Protein backbone atom coordinates (compact mmCIF):
# COMPACT_ATOMS: atom_id res chain seq x y z
CA UNK A 1 0.00 0.00 0.00
CA UNK A 2 1.22 3.50 -0.86
CA UNK A 3 1.17 5.25 2.52
CA UNK A 4 1.71 8.69 0.96
CA UNK A 5 -1.29 8.20 -1.32
CA UNK A 6 -3.43 7.04 1.61
CA UNK A 7 -2.26 10.06 3.64
CA UNK A 8 -3.21 12.44 0.80
CA UNK A 9 -6.60 10.76 0.46
CA UNK A 10 -7.26 11.14 4.18
CA UNK A 11 -6.23 14.80 4.16
CA UNK A 12 -8.36 15.44 1.07
CA UNK A 13 -11.37 13.81 2.73
CA UNK A 14 -10.76 15.88 5.86
CA UNK A 15 -10.58 19.11 3.83
CA UNK A 16 -13.82 18.16 2.07
CA UNK A 17 -15.54 17.22 5.34
CA UNK A 18 -15.96 13.67 4.09
CA UNK A 19 -13.55 11.71 6.28
CA UNK A 20 -15.22 8.72 7.92
CA UNK A 21 -15.38 8.44 11.69
CA UNK A 22 -13.17 5.36 11.43
CA UNK A 23 -10.45 7.34 9.60
CA UNK A 24 -10.68 10.57 11.57
CA UNK A 25 -7.82 9.73 13.92
CA UNK A 26 -5.60 8.69 10.99
CA UNK A 27 -6.45 11.91 9.14
CA UNK A 28 -5.44 14.03 12.13
CA UNK A 29 -2.25 11.99 12.52
CA UNK A 30 -1.44 12.70 8.86
CA UNK A 31 -1.55 16.42 9.66
CA UNK A 32 1.30 15.93 12.12
CA UNK A 33 3.56 14.99 9.20
CA UNK A 34 5.16 17.61 6.96
CA UNK A 35 3.69 15.97 3.82
CA UNK A 36 0.25 16.04 5.41
CA UNK A 37 0.59 19.73 6.21
CA UNK A 38 1.69 20.48 2.66
CA UNK A 39 -1.25 18.50 1.26
CA UNK A 40 -3.64 20.38 3.60
CA UNK A 41 -2.32 23.74 2.40
CA UNK A 42 -2.35 22.71 -1.27
CA UNK A 43 -5.91 21.32 -1.14
CA UNK A 44 -7.14 24.51 0.52
CA UNK A 45 -5.37 26.64 -2.07
CA UNK A 46 -6.90 24.59 -4.89
CA UNK A 47 -10.32 24.86 -3.26
CA UNK A 48 -9.94 28.62 -2.94
CA UNK A 49 -8.99 28.87 -6.61
CA UNK A 50 -11.95 26.76 -7.70
CA UNK A 51 -14.38 28.85 -5.66
CA UNK A 52 -12.90 32.22 -6.70
CA UNK A 53 -15.18 34.41 -8.82
CA UNK A 54 -12.84 36.22 -11.21
CA UNK A 55 -9.66 34.33 -10.47
CA UNK A 56 -7.87 33.97 -7.20
CA UNK A 57 -4.76 35.83 -6.20
CA UNK A 58 -2.40 32.92 -6.70
CA UNK A 59 1.35 33.09 -6.67
CA UNK A 60 3.23 33.33 -9.95
CA UNK A 61 3.61 29.93 -11.55
CA UNK A 62 0.88 28.28 -9.46
CA UNK A 63 -0.86 26.76 -12.49
CA UNK A 64 2.40 25.35 -13.83
CA UNK A 65 3.37 23.87 -10.45
CA UNK A 66 -0.10 22.36 -10.03
CA UNK A 67 0.01 20.84 -13.52
CA UNK A 68 3.45 19.37 -12.81
CA UNK A 69 2.24 17.82 -9.54
CA UNK A 70 -0.81 16.35 -11.24
CA UNK A 71 1.41 14.92 -13.98
CA UNK A 72 3.71 13.42 -11.35
CA UNK A 73 0.77 11.81 -9.55
CA UNK A 74 -0.53 10.45 -12.86
CA UNK A 75 2.89 8.98 -13.65
CA UNK A 76 3.09 7.41 -10.19
CA UNK A 77 -0.38 5.94 -10.56
CA UNK A 78 0.42 4.57 -14.01
CA UNK A 79 3.62 2.97 -12.73
CA UNK A 80 1.70 1.32 -9.90
CA UNK A 81 -0.72 -0.24 -12.39
CA UNK A 82 1.94 -1.78 -14.62
CA UNK A 83 2.58 -5.42 -13.73
CA UNK A 84 5.98 -6.44 -12.52
CA UNK A 85 8.00 -8.66 -14.84
CA UNK A 86 7.84 -12.34 -13.94
CA UNK A 87 10.56 -13.53 -11.62
CA UNK A 88 13.26 -15.57 -13.23
CA UNK A 89 13.42 -19.04 -11.85
CA UNK A 90 15.99 -21.74 -12.24
CA UNK A 91 14.96 -25.19 -13.32
CA UNK A 92 15.02 -27.75 -10.56
CA UNK A 93 18.18 -29.95 -10.64
PDB file of N, CA and C in Angstrom:
ATOM      1  N   UNK A   1       0.835  -1.176   0.000  1.00  0.00           N
ATOM      2  CA  UNK A   1       0.000   0.000   0.000  1.00  0.00           C
ATOM      3  C   UNK A   1       0.882   1.243   0.000  1.00  0.00           C
ATOM      4  N   UNK A   2       0.496   2.233  -0.770  1.00  0.00           N
ATOM      5  CA  UNK A   2       1.217   3.495  -0.856  1.00  0.00           C
ATOM      6  C   UNK A   2       0.747   4.381   0.298  1.00  0.00           C
ATOM      7  N   UNK A   3       1.582   4.500   1.332  1.00  0.00           N
ATOM      8  CA  UNK A   3       1.166   5.253   2.519  1.00  0.00           C
ATOM      9  C   UNK A   3       1.025   6.739   2.223  1.00  0.00           C
ATOM     10  N   UNK A   4       1.836   7.268   1.298  1.00  0.00           N
ATOM     11  CA  UNK A   4       1.712   8.685   0.957  1.00  0.00           C
ATOM     12  C   UNK A   4       0.384   8.954   0.249  1.00  0.00           C
ATOM     13  N   UNK A   5      -0.010   8.047  -0.630  1.00  0.00           N
ATOM     14  CA  UNK A   5      -1.286   8.200  -1.324  1.00  0.00           C
ATOM     15  C   UNK A   5      -2.435   8.137  -0.324  1.00  0.00           C
ATOM     16  N   UNK A   6      -2.379   7.180   0.590  1.00  0.00           N
ATOM     17  CA  UNK A   6      -3.433   7.043   1.608  1.00  0.00           C
ATOM     18  C   UNK A   6      -3.489   8.310   2.459  1.00  0.00           C
ATOM     19  N   UNK A   7      -2.318   8.842   2.832  1.00  0.00           N
ATOM     20  CA  UNK A   7      -2.263  10.063   3.637  1.00  0.00           C
ATOM     21  C   UNK A   7      -2.926  11.215   2.892  1.00  0.00           C
ATOM     22  N   UNK A   8      -2.611  11.356   1.588  1.00  0.00           N
ATOM     23  CA  UNK A   8      -3.212  12.444   0.804  1.00  0.00           C
ATOM     24  C   UNK A   8      -4.724  12.267   0.687  1.00  0.00           C
ATOM     25  N   UNK A   9      -5.167  11.023   0.537  1.00  0.00           N
ATOM     26  CA  UNK A   9      -6.604  10.760   0.459  1.00  0.00           C
ATOM     27  C   UNK A   9      -7.305  11.127   1.762  1.00  0.00           C
ATOM     28  N   UNK A  10      -6.677  10.805   2.885  1.00  0.00           N
ATOM     29  CA  UNK A  10      -7.263  11.142   4.184  1.00  0.00           C
ATOM     30  C   UNK A  10      -7.328  12.651   4.386  1.00  0.00           C
ATOM     31  N   UNK A  11      -6.247  13.343   4.024  1.00  0.00           N
ATOM     32  CA  UNK A  11      -6.225  14.801   4.163  1.00  0.00           C
ATOM     33  C   UNK A  11      -7.260  15.424   3.234  1.00  0.00           C
ATOM     34  N   UNK A  12      -7.368  14.926   2.015  1.00  0.00           N
ATOM     35  CA  UNK A  12      -8.358  15.438   1.073  1.00  0.00           C
ATOM     36  C   UNK A  12      -9.767  15.249   1.619  1.00  0.00           C
ATOM     37  N   UNK A  13     -10.040  14.071   2.158  1.00  0.00           N
ATOM     38  CA  UNK A  13     -11.367  13.806   2.729  1.00  0.00           C
ATOM     39  C   UNK A  13     -11.633  14.723   3.915  1.00  0.00           C
ATOM     40  N   UNK A  14     -10.612  14.982   4.711  1.00  0.00           N
ATOM     41  CA  UNK A  14     -10.761  15.877   5.856  1.00  0.00           C
ATOM     42  C   UNK A  14     -11.068  17.300   5.390  1.00  0.00           C
ATOM     43  N   UNK A  15     -10.345  17.766   4.381  1.00  0.00           N
ATOM     44  CA  UNK A  15     -10.580  19.106   3.832  1.00  0.00           C
ATOM     45  C   UNK A  15     -12.006  19.225   3.306  1.00  0.00           C
ATOM     46  N   UNK A  16     -12.477  18.152   2.660  1.00  0.00           N
ATOM     47  CA  UNK A  16     -13.824  18.159   2.072  1.00  0.00           C
ATOM     48  C   UNK A  16     -14.917  17.863   3.085  1.00  0.00           C
ATOM     49  N   UNK A  17     -14.541  17.560   4.321  1.00  0.00           N
ATOM     50  CA  UNK A  17     -15.537  17.225   5.339  1.00  0.00           C
ATOM     51  C   UNK A  17     -16.161  15.867   5.109  1.00  0.00           C
ATOM     52  N   UNK A  18     -15.423  14.975   4.447  1.00  0.00           N
ATOM     53  CA  UNK A  18     -15.964  13.674   4.091  1.00  0.00           C
ATOM     54  C   UNK A  18     -15.188  12.513   4.703  1.00  0.00           C
ATOM     55  N   UNK A  19     -14.314  12.792   5.658  1.00  0.00           N
ATOM     56  CA  UNK A  19     -13.553  11.706   6.278  1.00  0.00           C
ATOM     57  C   UNK A  19     -14.491  10.899   7.172  1.00  0.00           C
ATOM     58  N   UNK A  20     -14.353   9.587   7.108  1.00  0.00           N
ATOM     59  CA  UNK A  20     -15.219   8.725   7.920  1.00  0.00           C
ATOM     60  C   UNK A  20     -14.788   8.791   9.381  1.00  0.00           C
ATOM     61  N   UNK A  21     -15.710   8.451  10.266  1.00  0.00           N
ATOM     62  CA  UNK A  21     -15.384   8.436  11.691  1.00  0.00           C
ATOM     63  C   UNK A  21     -14.242   7.469  11.972  1.00  0.00           C
ATOM     64  N   UNK A  22     -14.218   6.368  11.231  1.00  0.00           N
ATOM     65  CA  UNK A  22     -13.173   5.360  11.430  1.00  0.00           C
ATOM     66  C   UNK A  22     -11.790   5.889  11.042  1.00  0.00           C
ATOM     67  N   UNK A  23     -11.729   6.810  10.088  1.00  0.00           N
ATOM     68  CA  UNK A  23     -10.449   7.337   9.598  1.00  0.00           C
ATOM     69  C   UNK A  23     -10.079   8.687  10.198  1.00  0.00           C
ATOM     70  N   UNK A  24     -10.922   9.232  11.043  1.00  0.00           N
ATOM     71  CA  UNK A  24     -10.683  10.571  11.573  1.00  0.00           C
ATOM     72  C   UNK A  24      -9.355  10.669  12.317  1.00  0.00           C
ATOM     73  N   UNK A  25      -9.066   9.700  13.161  1.00  0.00           N
ATOM     74  CA  UNK A  25      -7.818   9.732  13.920  1.00  0.00           C
ATOM     75  C   UNK A  25      -6.606   9.647  12.991  1.00  0.00           C
ATOM     76  N   UNK A  26      -6.700   8.802  11.963  1.00  0.00           N
ATOM     77  CA  UNK A  26      -5.599   8.689  10.994  1.00  0.00           C
ATOM     78  C   UNK A  26      -5.419   9.989  10.216  1.00  0.00           C
ATOM     79  N   UNK A  27      -6.529  10.645   9.880  1.00  0.00           N
ATOM     80  CA  UNK A  27      -6.450  11.907   9.143  1.00  0.00           C
ATOM     81  C   UNK A  27      -5.757  12.973   9.991  1.00  0.00           C
ATOM     82  N   UNK A  28      -6.099  13.052  11.262  1.00  0.00           N
ATOM     83  CA  UNK A  28      -5.437  14.029  12.133  1.00  0.00           C
ATOM     84  C   UNK A  28      -3.967  13.682  12.328  1.00  0.00           C
ATOM     85  N   UNK A  29      -3.653  12.401  12.396  1.00  0.00           N
ATOM     86  CA  UNK A  29      -2.247  11.989  12.517  1.00  0.00           C
ATOM     87  C   UNK A  29      -1.467  12.381  11.265  1.00  0.00           C
ATOM     88  N   UNK A  30      -2.112  12.304  10.102  1.00  0.00           N
ATOM     89  CA  UNK A  30      -1.444  12.697   8.858  1.00  0.00           C
ATOM     90  C   UNK A  30      -1.058  14.171   8.894  1.00  0.00           C
ATOM     91  N   UNK A  31      -1.851  14.986   9.579  1.00  0.00           N
ATOM     92  CA  UNK A  31      -1.553  16.417   9.657  1.00  0.00           C
ATOM     93  C   UNK A  31      -0.356  16.724  10.543  1.00  0.00           C
ATOM     94  N   UNK A  32       0.095  15.741  11.303  1.00  0.00           N
ATOM     95  CA  UNK A  32       1.297  15.934  12.118  1.00  0.00           C
ATOM     96  C   UNK A  32       2.567  15.794  11.282  1.00  0.00           C
ATOM     97  N   UNK A  33       2.422  15.190  10.103  1.00  0.00           N
ATOM     98  CA  UNK A  33       3.557  14.994   9.204  1.00  0.00           C
ATOM     99  C   UNK A  33       3.691  16.193   8.254  1.00  0.00           C
ATOM    100  N   UNK A  34       4.917  16.480   7.855  1.00  0.00           N
ATOM    101  CA  UNK A  34       5.163  17.615   6.957  1.00  0.00           C
ATOM    102  C   UNK A  34       4.423  17.433   5.629  1.00  0.00           C
ATOM    103  N   UNK A  35       4.412  16.218   5.073  1.00  0.00           N
ATOM    104  CA  UNK A  35       3.695  15.972   3.821  1.00  0.00           C
ATOM    105  C   UNK A  35       2.197  16.203   3.992  1.00  0.00           C
ATOM    106  N   UNK A  36       1.662  15.820   5.129  1.00  0.00           N
ATOM    107  CA  UNK A  36       0.246  16.043   5.405  1.00  0.00           C
ATOM    108  C   UNK A  36      -0.083  17.524   5.498  1.00  0.00           C
ATOM    109  N   UNK A  37       0.796  18.285   6.101  1.00  0.00           N
ATOM    110  CA  UNK A  37       0.589  19.726   6.212  1.00  0.00           C
ATOM    111  C   UNK A  37       0.658  20.401   4.850  1.00  0.00           C
ATOM    112  N   UNK A  38       1.593  19.923   4.015  1.00  0.00           N
ATOM    113  CA  UNK A  38       1.693  20.476   2.655  1.00  0.00           C
ATOM    114  C   UNK A  38       0.440  20.151   1.850  1.00  0.00           C
ATOM    115  N   UNK A  39      -0.037  18.907   1.978  1.00  0.00           N
ATOM    116  CA  UNK A  39      -1.253  18.498   1.264  1.00  0.00           C
ATOM    117  C   UNK A  39      -2.437  19.332   1.729  1.00  0.00           C
ATOM    118  N   UNK A  40      -2.553  19.566   3.035  1.00  0.00           N
ATOM    119  CA  UNK A  40      -3.636  20.381   3.600  1.00  0.00           C
ATOM    120  C   UNK A  40      -3.617  21.777   2.976  1.00  0.00           C
ATOM    121  N   UNK A  41      -2.439  22.396   2.953  1.00  0.00           N
ATOM    122  CA  UNK A  41      -2.316  23.745   2.398  1.00  0.00           C
ATOM    123  C   UNK A  41      -2.635  23.755   0.904  1.00  0.00           C
ATOM    124  N   UNK A  42      -2.122  22.773   0.175  1.00  0.00           N
ATOM    125  CA  UNK A  42      -2.352  22.709  -1.266  1.00  0.00           C
ATOM    126  C   UNK A  42      -3.833  22.507  -1.570  1.00  0.00           C
ATOM    127  N   UNK A  43      -4.491  21.579  -0.874  1.00  0.00           N
ATOM    128  CA  UNK A  43      -5.907  21.315  -1.138  1.00  0.00           C
ATOM    129  C   UNK A  43      -6.762  22.541  -0.824  1.00  0.00           C
ATOM    130  N   UNK A  44      -6.398  23.281   0.216  1.00  0.00           N
ATOM    131  CA  UNK A  44      -7.138  24.511   0.524  1.00  0.00           C
ATOM    132  C   UNK A  44      -6.899  25.575  -0.543  1.00  0.00           C
ATOM    133  N   UNK A  45      -5.673  25.666  -1.024  1.00  0.00           N
ATOM    134  CA  UNK A  45      -5.367  26.643  -2.069  1.00  0.00           C
ATOM    135  C   UNK A  45      -6.115  26.295  -3.355  1.00  0.00           C
ATOM    136  N   UNK A  46      -6.154  25.024  -3.701  1.00  0.00           N
ATOM    137  CA  UNK A  46      -6.895  24.592  -4.887  1.00  0.00           C
ATOM    138  C   UNK A  46      -8.381  24.882  -4.710  1.00  0.00           C
ATOM    139  N   UNK A  47      -8.911  24.572  -3.539  1.00  0.00           N
ATOM    140  CA  UNK A  47     -10.321  24.857  -3.262  1.00  0.00           C
ATOM    141  C   UNK A  47     -10.627  26.338  -3.367  1.00  0.00           C
ATOM    142  N   UNK A  48      -9.751  27.173  -2.838  1.00  0.00           N
ATOM    143  CA  UNK A  48      -9.939  28.622  -2.936  1.00  0.00           C
ATOM    144  C   UNK A  48      -9.953  29.067  -4.392  1.00  0.00           C
ATOM    145  N   UNK A  49      -9.054  28.502  -5.193  1.00  0.00           N
ATOM    146  CA  UNK A  49      -8.986  28.873  -6.606  1.00  0.00           C
ATOM    147  C   UNK A  49     -10.245  28.442  -7.346  1.00  0.00           C
ATOM    148  N   UNK A  50     -10.750  27.260  -7.033  1.00  0.00           N
ATOM    149  CA  UNK A  50     -11.950  26.759  -7.699  1.00  0.00           C
ATOM    150  C   UNK A  50     -13.170  27.619  -7.347  1.00  0.00           C
ATOM    151  N   UNK A  51     -13.221  28.059  -6.106  1.00  0.00           N
ATOM    152  CA  UNK A  51     -14.378  28.852  -5.658  1.00  0.00           C
ATOM    153  C   UNK A  51     -14.270  30.331  -6.007  1.00  0.00           C
ATOM    154  N   UNK A  52     -13.106  30.797  -6.428  1.00  0.00           N
ATOM    155  CA  UNK A  52     -12.898  32.219  -6.700  1.00  0.00           C
ATOM    156  C   UNK A  52     -13.760  32.673  -7.880  1.00  0.00           C
ATOM    157  N   UNK A  53     -14.294  33.867  -7.767  1.00  0.00           N
ATOM    158  CA  UNK A  53     -15.176  34.406  -8.818  1.00  0.00           C
ATOM    159  C   UNK A  53     -14.392  34.744 -10.084  1.00  0.00           C
ATOM    160  N   UNK A  54     -13.572  35.759 -10.037  1.00  0.00           N
ATOM    161  CA  UNK A  54     -12.836  36.216 -11.215  1.00  0.00           C
ATOM    162  C   UNK A  54     -11.358  35.875 -11.118  1.00  0.00           C
ATOM    163  N   UNK A  55     -11.062  34.733 -10.588  1.00  0.00           N
ATOM    164  CA  UNK A  55      -9.663  34.328 -10.468  1.00  0.00           C
ATOM    165  C   UNK A  55      -9.125  34.684  -9.100  1.00  0.00           C
ATOM    166  N   UNK A  56      -8.442  33.761  -8.520  1.00  0.00           N
ATOM    167  CA  UNK A  56      -7.866  33.969  -7.196  1.00  0.00           C
ATOM    168  C   UNK A  56      -6.502  34.621  -7.316  1.00  0.00           C
ATOM    169  N   UNK A  57      -6.080  35.237  -6.246  1.00  0.00           N
ATOM    170  CA  UNK A  57      -4.756  35.832  -6.200  1.00  0.00           C
ATOM    171  C   UNK A  57      -3.764  34.727  -5.862  1.00  0.00           C
ATOM    172  N   UNK A  58      -3.341  34.016  -6.887  1.00  0.00           N
ATOM    173  CA  UNK A  58      -2.404  32.921  -6.696  1.00  0.00           C
ATOM    174  C   UNK A  58      -0.988  33.397  -7.003  1.00  0.00           C
ATOM    175  N   UNK A  59      -0.033  32.712  -6.430  1.00  0.00           N
ATOM    176  CA  UNK A  59       1.351  33.094  -6.665  1.00  0.00           C
ATOM    177  C   UNK A  59       1.727  32.828  -8.118  1.00  0.00           C
ATOM    178  N   UNK A  60       2.750  33.536  -8.585  1.00  0.00           N
ATOM    179  CA  UNK A  60       3.232  33.333  -9.945  1.00  0.00           C
ATOM    180  C   UNK A  60       3.635  31.876 -10.138  1.00  0.00           C
ATOM    181  N   UNK A  61       3.227  31.295 -11.231  1.00  0.00           N
ATOM    182  CA  UNK A  61       3.606  29.931 -11.548  1.00  0.00           C
ATOM    183  C   UNK A  61       2.768  28.865 -10.869  1.00  0.00           C
ATOM    184  N   UNK A  62       1.707  29.269 -10.162  1.00  0.00           N
ATOM    185  CA  UNK A  62       0.883  28.276  -9.459  1.00  0.00           C
ATOM    186  C   UNK A  62       0.325  27.237 -10.427  1.00  0.00           C
ATOM    187  N   UNK A  63      -0.241  27.690 -11.530  1.00  0.00           N
ATOM    188  CA  UNK A  63      -0.862  26.764 -12.487  1.00  0.00           C
ATOM    189  C   UNK A  63       0.168  25.773 -13.025  1.00  0.00           C
ATOM    190  N   UNK A  64       1.363  26.241 -13.316  1.00  0.00           N
ATOM    191  CA  UNK A  64       2.405  25.354 -13.834  1.00  0.00           C
ATOM    192  C   UNK A  64       2.832  24.341 -12.779  1.00  0.00           C
ATOM    193  N   UNK A  65       2.983  24.788 -11.528  1.00  0.00           N
ATOM    194  CA  UNK A  65       3.369  23.867 -10.454  1.00  0.00           C
ATOM    195  C   UNK A  65       2.269  22.844 -10.200  1.00  0.00           C
ATOM    196  N   UNK A  66       1.007  23.276 -10.231  1.00  0.00           N
ATOM    197  CA  UNK A  66      -0.103  22.356 -10.028  1.00  0.00           C
ATOM    198  C   UNK A  66      -0.144  21.325 -11.152  1.00  0.00           C
ATOM    199  N   UNK A  67       0.017  21.766 -12.379  1.00  0.00           N
ATOM    200  CA  UNK A  67       0.010  20.842 -13.515  1.00  0.00           C
ATOM    201  C   UNK A  67       1.140  19.821 -13.386  1.00  0.00           C
ATOM    202  N   UNK A  68       2.315  20.276 -12.968  1.00  0.00           N
ATOM    203  CA  UNK A  68       3.449  19.366 -12.806  1.00  0.00           C
ATOM    204  C   UNK A  68       3.176  18.333 -11.717  1.00  0.00           C
ATOM    205  N   UNK A  69       2.557  18.769 -10.616  1.00  0.00           N
ATOM    206  CA  UNK A  69       2.240  17.821  -9.540  1.00  0.00           C
ATOM    207  C   UNK A  69       1.195  16.823  -9.974  1.00  0.00           C
ATOM    208  N   UNK A  70       0.205  17.273 -10.733  1.00  0.00           N
ATOM    209  CA  UNK A  70      -0.810  16.354 -11.240  1.00  0.00           C
ATOM    210  C   UNK A  70      -0.202  15.356 -12.206  1.00  0.00           C
ATOM    211  N   UNK A  71       0.716  15.820 -13.066  1.00  0.00           N
ATOM    212  CA  UNK A  71       1.408  14.915 -13.982  1.00  0.00           C
ATOM    213  C   UNK A  71       2.229  13.884 -13.215  1.00  0.00           C
ATOM    214  N   UNK A  72       2.895  14.336 -12.151  1.00  0.00           N
ATOM    215  CA  UNK A  72       3.714  13.422 -11.350  1.00  0.00           C
ATOM    216  C   UNK A  72       2.843  12.370 -10.675  1.00  0.00           C
ATOM    217  N   UNK A  73       1.677  12.777 -10.169  1.00  0.00           N
ATOM    218  CA  UNK A  73       0.769  11.813  -9.547  1.00  0.00           C
ATOM    219  C   UNK A  73       0.244  10.840 -10.585  1.00  0.00           C
ATOM    220  N   UNK A  74      -0.051  11.332 -11.790  1.00  0.00           N
ATOM    221  CA  UNK A  74      -0.529  10.454 -12.857  1.00  0.00           C
ATOM    222  C   UNK A  74       0.539   9.436 -13.225  1.00  0.00           C
ATOM    223  N   UNK A  75       1.792   9.884 -13.305  1.00  0.00           N
ATOM    224  CA  UNK A  75       2.890   8.979 -13.646  1.00  0.00           C
ATOM    225  C   UNK A  75       3.078   7.936 -12.556  1.00  0.00           C
ATOM    226  N   UNK A  76       2.958   8.343 -11.304  1.00  0.00           N
ATOM    227  CA  UNK A  76       3.090   7.410 -10.188  1.00  0.00           C
ATOM    228  C   UNK A  76       1.968   6.389 -10.218  1.00  0.00           C
ATOM    229  N   UNK A  77       0.755   6.851 -10.493  1.00  0.00           N
ATOM    230  CA  UNK A  77      -0.385   5.938 -10.558  1.00  0.00           C
ATOM    231  C   UNK A  77      -0.236   4.966 -11.714  1.00  0.00           C
ATOM    232  N   UNK A  78       0.239   5.442 -12.850  1.00  0.00           N
ATOM    233  CA  UNK A  78       0.425   4.573 -14.011  1.00  0.00           C
ATOM    234  C   UNK A  78       1.494   3.525 -13.726  1.00  0.00           C
ATOM    235  N   UNK A  79       2.554   3.918 -13.055  1.00  0.00           N
ATOM    236  CA  UNK A  79       3.622   2.969 -12.733  1.00  0.00           C
ATOM    237  C   UNK A  79       3.125   1.903 -11.767  1.00  0.00           C
ATOM    238  N   UNK A  80       2.235   2.280 -10.868  1.00  0.00           N
ATOM    239  CA  UNK A  80       1.704   1.321  -9.900  1.00  0.00           C
ATOM    240  C   UNK A  80       0.799   0.302 -10.563  1.00  0.00           C
ATOM    241  N   UNK A  81       0.200   0.653 -11.693  1.00  0.00           N
ATOM    242  CA  UNK A  81      -0.721  -0.236 -12.386  1.00  0.00           C
ATOM    243  C   UNK A  81       0.019  -1.248 -13.247  1.00  0.00           C
ATOM    244  N   UNK A  82       1.188  -0.882 -13.753  1.00  0.00           N
ATOM    245  CA  UNK A  82       1.938  -1.777 -14.624  1.00  0.00           C
ATOM    246  C   UNK A  82       2.379  -3.006 -13.842  1.00  0.00           C
ATOM    247  N   UNK A  83       2.174  -4.191 -14.426  1.00  0.00           N
ATOM    248  CA  UNK A  83       2.585  -5.418 -13.727  1.00  0.00           C
ATOM    249  C   UNK A  83       4.093  -5.544 -13.673  1.00  0.00           C
ATOM    250  N   UNK A  84       4.545  -6.198 -12.638  1.00  0.00           N
ATOM    251  CA  UNK A  84       5.978  -6.443 -12.515  1.00  0.00           C
ATOM    252  C   UNK A  84       6.356  -7.589 -13.450  1.00  0.00           C
ATOM    253  N   UNK A  85       7.584  -7.548 -13.976  1.00  0.00           N
ATOM    254  CA  UNK A  85       7.997  -8.659 -14.840  1.00  0.00           C
ATOM    255  C   UNK A  85       8.059  -9.944 -14.034  1.00  0.00           C
ATOM    256  N   UNK A  86       7.798 -11.076 -14.677  1.00  0.00           N
ATOM    257  CA  UNK A  86       7.839 -12.340 -13.936  1.00  0.00           C
ATOM    258  C   UNK A  86       9.230 -12.600 -13.388  1.00  0.00           C
ATOM    259  N   UNK A  87       9.281 -13.213 -12.233  1.00  0.00           N
ATOM    260  CA  UNK A  87      10.563 -13.533 -11.622  1.00  0.00           C
ATOM    261  C   UNK A  87      11.225 -14.657 -12.402  1.00  0.00           C
ATOM    262  N   UNK A  88      12.517 -14.516 -12.546  1.00  0.00           N
ATOM    263  CA  UNK A  88      13.261 -15.571 -13.227  1.00  0.00           C
ATOM    264  C   UNK A  88      13.456 -16.714 -12.257  1.00  0.00           C
ATOM    265  N   UNK A  89      13.225 -17.893 -12.721  1.00  0.00           N
ATOM    266  CA  UNK A  89      13.421 -19.040 -11.855  1.00  0.00           C
ATOM    267  C   UNK A  89      14.359 -20.030 -12.529  1.00  0.00           C
ATOM    268  N   UNK A  90      15.075 -20.732 -11.737  1.00  0.00           N
ATOM    269  CA  UNK A  90      15.993 -21.739 -12.245  1.00  0.00           C
ATOM    270  C   UNK A  90      15.269 -23.082 -12.302  1.00  0.00           C
ATOM    271  N   UNK A  91      15.568 -23.856 -13.291  1.00  0.00           N
ATOM    272  CA  UNK A  91      14.959 -25.195 -13.323  1.00  0.00           C
ATOM    273  C   UNK A  91      15.472 -26.036 -12.166  1.00  0.00           C
ATOM    274  N   UNK A  92      14.618 -26.878 -11.655  1.00  0.00           N
ATOM    275  CA  UNK A  92      15.016 -27.755 -10.556  1.00  0.00           C
ATOM    276  C   UNK A  92      16.080 -28.723 -11.039  1.00  0.00           C
ATOM    277  N   UNK A  93      17.100 -29.023 -10.214  1.00  0.00           N
ATOM    278  CA  UNK A  93      18.180 -29.946 -10.644  1.00  0.00           C
ATOM    279  C   UNK A  93      17.685 -31.370 -10.770  1.00  0.00           C
TER     280      UNK A  93
END
